[in-house]
C-alpha atoms as a PDB file:
ATOM      1  CA  MET A   1      28.637  -7.844  -7.358  1.00  0.00           C
ATOM      2  CA  ASN A   2      26.999  -4.954  -6.247  1.00  0.00           C
ATOM      3  CA  PHE A   3      23.438  -5.504  -5.288  1.00  0.00           C
ATOM      4  CA  ILE A   4      21.075  -4.772  -2.350  1.00  0.00           C
ATOM      5  CA  ALA A   5      18.859  -7.562  -1.339  1.00  0.00           C
ATOM      6  CA  ASP A   6      15.714  -7.284   0.707  1.00  0.00           C
ATOM      7  CA  PHE A   7      16.954 -10.035   3.121  1.00  0.00           C
ATOM      8  CA  MET A   8      19.935 -12.414   2.828  1.00  0.00           C
ATOM      9  CA  CYS A   9      20.915 -15.628   5.109  1.00  0.00           C
ATOM     10  CA  LYS A  10      24.908 -15.664   4.097  1.00  0.00           C
ATOM     11  CA  ASP A  11      25.182 -19.239   5.766  1.00  0.00           C
ATOM     12  CA  LEU A  12      22.584 -20.758   3.601  1.00  0.00           C
ATOM     13  CA  LEU A  13      23.266 -18.507   0.670  1.00  0.00           C
ATOM     14  CA  LEU A  14      19.578 -17.626   0.649  1.00  0.00           C
ATOM     15  CA  ILE A  15      18.309 -14.389  -0.724  1.00  0.00           C
ATOM     16  CA  ILE A  16      14.641 -13.312  -0.323  1.00  0.00           C
ATOM     17  CA  GLU A  17      13.315 -10.534  -2.280  1.00  0.00           C
ATOM     18  CA  GLY A  18       9.905  -8.869  -1.948  1.00  0.00           C
ATOM     19  CA  ASP A  19       8.461  -7.680  -5.130  1.00  0.00           C
ATOM     20  CA  GLY A  20       6.006  -4.882  -4.863  1.00  0.00           C
ATOM     21  CA  TYR A  21       4.049  -2.700  -7.458  1.00  0.00           C
ATOM     22  CA  SER A  22       7.525  -1.916  -9.289  1.00  0.00           C
ATOM     23  CA  HIS A  23       8.180  -5.250 -10.236  1.00  0.00           C
ATOM     24  CA  ILE A  24       5.397  -5.118 -12.886  1.00  0.00           C
ATOM     25  CA  PHE A  25       7.389  -3.145 -15.121  1.00  0.00           C
ATOM     26  CA  LYS A  26       9.501  -4.577 -17.901  1.00  0.00           C
ATOM     27  CA  GLU A  27      12.519  -2.435 -17.006  1.00  0.00           C
ATOM     28  CA  THR A  28      12.446  -4.057 -13.257  1.00  0.00           C
ATOM     29  CA  ILE A  29      11.633  -7.269 -14.326  1.00  0.00           C
ATOM     30  CA  ASP A  30      14.995  -7.149 -16.741  1.00  0.00           C
ATOM     31  CA  LYS A  31      16.768  -6.074 -13.665  1.00  0.00           C
ATOM     32  CA  ASP A  32      15.777  -8.557 -11.505  1.00  0.00           C
ATOM     33  CA  ILE A  33      16.532 -11.406 -14.184  1.00  0.00           C
ATOM     34  CA  LYS A  34      20.124 -10.202 -14.664  1.00  0.00           C
ATOM     35  CA  LYS A  35      20.496  -9.694 -10.722  1.00  0.00           C
ATOM     36  CA  GLU A  36      19.156 -13.267 -10.143  1.00  0.00           C
ATOM     37  CA  LYS A  37      21.297 -14.865 -12.850  1.00  0.00           C
ATOM     38  CA  VAL A  38      24.458 -13.359 -10.981  1.00  0.00           C
ATOM     39  CA  LEU A  39      23.531 -14.251  -7.816  1.00  0.00           C
ATOM     40  CA  GLU A  40      22.857 -17.818  -8.852  1.00  0.00           C
ATOM     41  CA  GLU A  41      25.983 -18.108 -10.648  1.00  0.00           C
ATOM     42  CA  VAL A  42      28.011 -17.574  -7.224  1.00  0.00           C
ATOM     43  CA  GLY A  43      25.926 -20.144  -5.338  1.00  0.00           C
ATOM     44  CA  TYR A  44      22.811 -18.083  -4.110  1.00  0.00           C
ATOM     45  CA  LYS A  45      19.136 -18.987  -4.316  1.00  0.00           C
ATOM     46  CA  VAL A  46      16.841 -16.458  -4.721  1.00  0.00           C
ATOM     47  CA  LEU A  47      13.298 -16.673  -3.452  1.00  0.00           C
ATOM     48  CA  ARG A  48      10.790 -14.306  -4.737  1.00  0.00           C
ATOM     49  CA  LEU A  49       7.752 -13.339  -2.624  1.00  0.00           C
ATOM     50  CA  HIS A  50       5.086 -10.782  -3.852  1.00  0.00           C
ATOM     51  CA  ASP A  51       3.978  -7.992  -1.877  1.00  0.00           C
ATOM     52  CA  GLU A  52       0.336  -9.377  -1.864  1.00  0.00           C
ATOM     53  CA  GLU A  53       1.453 -12.731  -0.497  1.00  0.00           C
ATOM     54  CA  VAL A  54       3.177 -11.493   2.342  1.00  0.00           C
ATOM     55  CA  LEU A  55       0.147  -9.101   3.334  1.00  0.00           C
ATOM     56  CA  ASN A  56      -2.367 -11.737   2.831  1.00  0.00           C
ATOM     57  CA  ASP A  57      -0.888 -15.150   3.144  1.00  0.00           C
ATOM     58  CA  MET A  58       1.711 -15.207   5.910  1.00  0.00           C
ATOM     59  CA  ASP A  59       0.961 -18.665   6.921  1.00  0.00           C
ATOM     60  CA  ASN A  60       2.151 -20.004   3.449  1.00  0.00           C
ATOM     61  CA  VAL A  61       5.089 -17.462   3.207  1.00  0.00           C
ATOM     62  CA  ILE A  62       6.444 -18.923   6.409  1.00  0.00           C
ATOM     63  CA  ARG A  63       5.888 -22.493   5.474  1.00  0.00           C
ATOM     64  CA  GLU A  64       7.681 -21.721   2.198  1.00  0.00           C
ATOM     65  CA  LEU A  65      10.437 -19.983   3.906  1.00  0.00           C
ATOM     66  CA  GLU A  66      10.896 -22.955   6.410  1.00  0.00           C
ATOM     67  CA  CYS A  67      10.717 -25.283   3.526  1.00  0.00           C
ATOM     68  CA  GLN A  68      13.647 -23.259   1.519  1.00  0.00           C
ATOM     69  CA  VAL A  69      15.690 -23.149   4.394  1.00  0.00           C
ATOM     70  CA  GLU A  70      15.472 -26.817   4.933  1.00  0.00           C
ATOM     71  CA  ILE A  71      16.222 -27.446   1.066  1.00  0.00           C
ATOM     72  CA  ARG A  72      19.420 -24.994   1.228  1.00  0.00           C
ATOM     73  CA  ARG A  73      20.458 -26.651   4.301  1.00  0.00           C
ATOM     74  CA  ASN A  74      20.431 -30.384   2.608  1.00  0.00           C
ATOM     75  CA  GLU A  75      22.025 -28.857  -0.496  1.00  0.00           C
ATOM     76  CA  LEU A  76      24.621 -27.294   1.479  1.00  0.00           C
ATOM     77  CA  GLY A  77      25.163 -30.106   4.159  1.00  0.00           C
ATOM     78  CA  ILE A  78      24.377 -27.725   7.075  1.00  0.00           C
ATOM     79  CA  PRO A  79      23.052 -29.385   9.833  1.00  0.00           C
ATOM     80  CA  PRO A  80      19.844 -28.188  11.781  1.00  0.00           C
ATOM     81  CA  PRO A  81      20.691 -25.956  14.543  1.00  0.00           C
ATOM     82  CA  ASP A  82      20.784 -27.609  18.019  1.00  0.00           C
ATOM     83  CA  PRO A  83      17.333 -26.760  19.673  1.00  0.00           C
ATOM     84  CA  ARG A  84      19.061 -26.215  22.791  1.00  0.00           C
ATOM     85  CA  GLN A  85      20.580 -23.098  21.590  1.00  0.00           C
ATOM     86  CA  ARG A  86      17.333 -21.408  20.782  1.00  0.00           C
ATOM     87  CA  GLY A  87      17.197 -17.923  21.485  1.00  0.00           C
ATOM     88  CA  LYS A  88      20.896 -17.785  22.477  1.00  0.00           C
END
């Protein structure tokens, strides 16, 4: 694999992609589909967020990220972090 992800959490096998203007073109969409398929085949979950969502609806973006983190923890059997360790 030789991909660049916008954001990645290796522990959760979670990749977050921010899709901007270039992602409306067929060539970019085709590359995204191939990239996502390869990443999912090796166990990653790819979450796509449109730039407009991030810029105009951050509350829902945060909720979606929190939800996906919880889903991945459950899928992979990873316990939530100890709240006493927050900020360390």
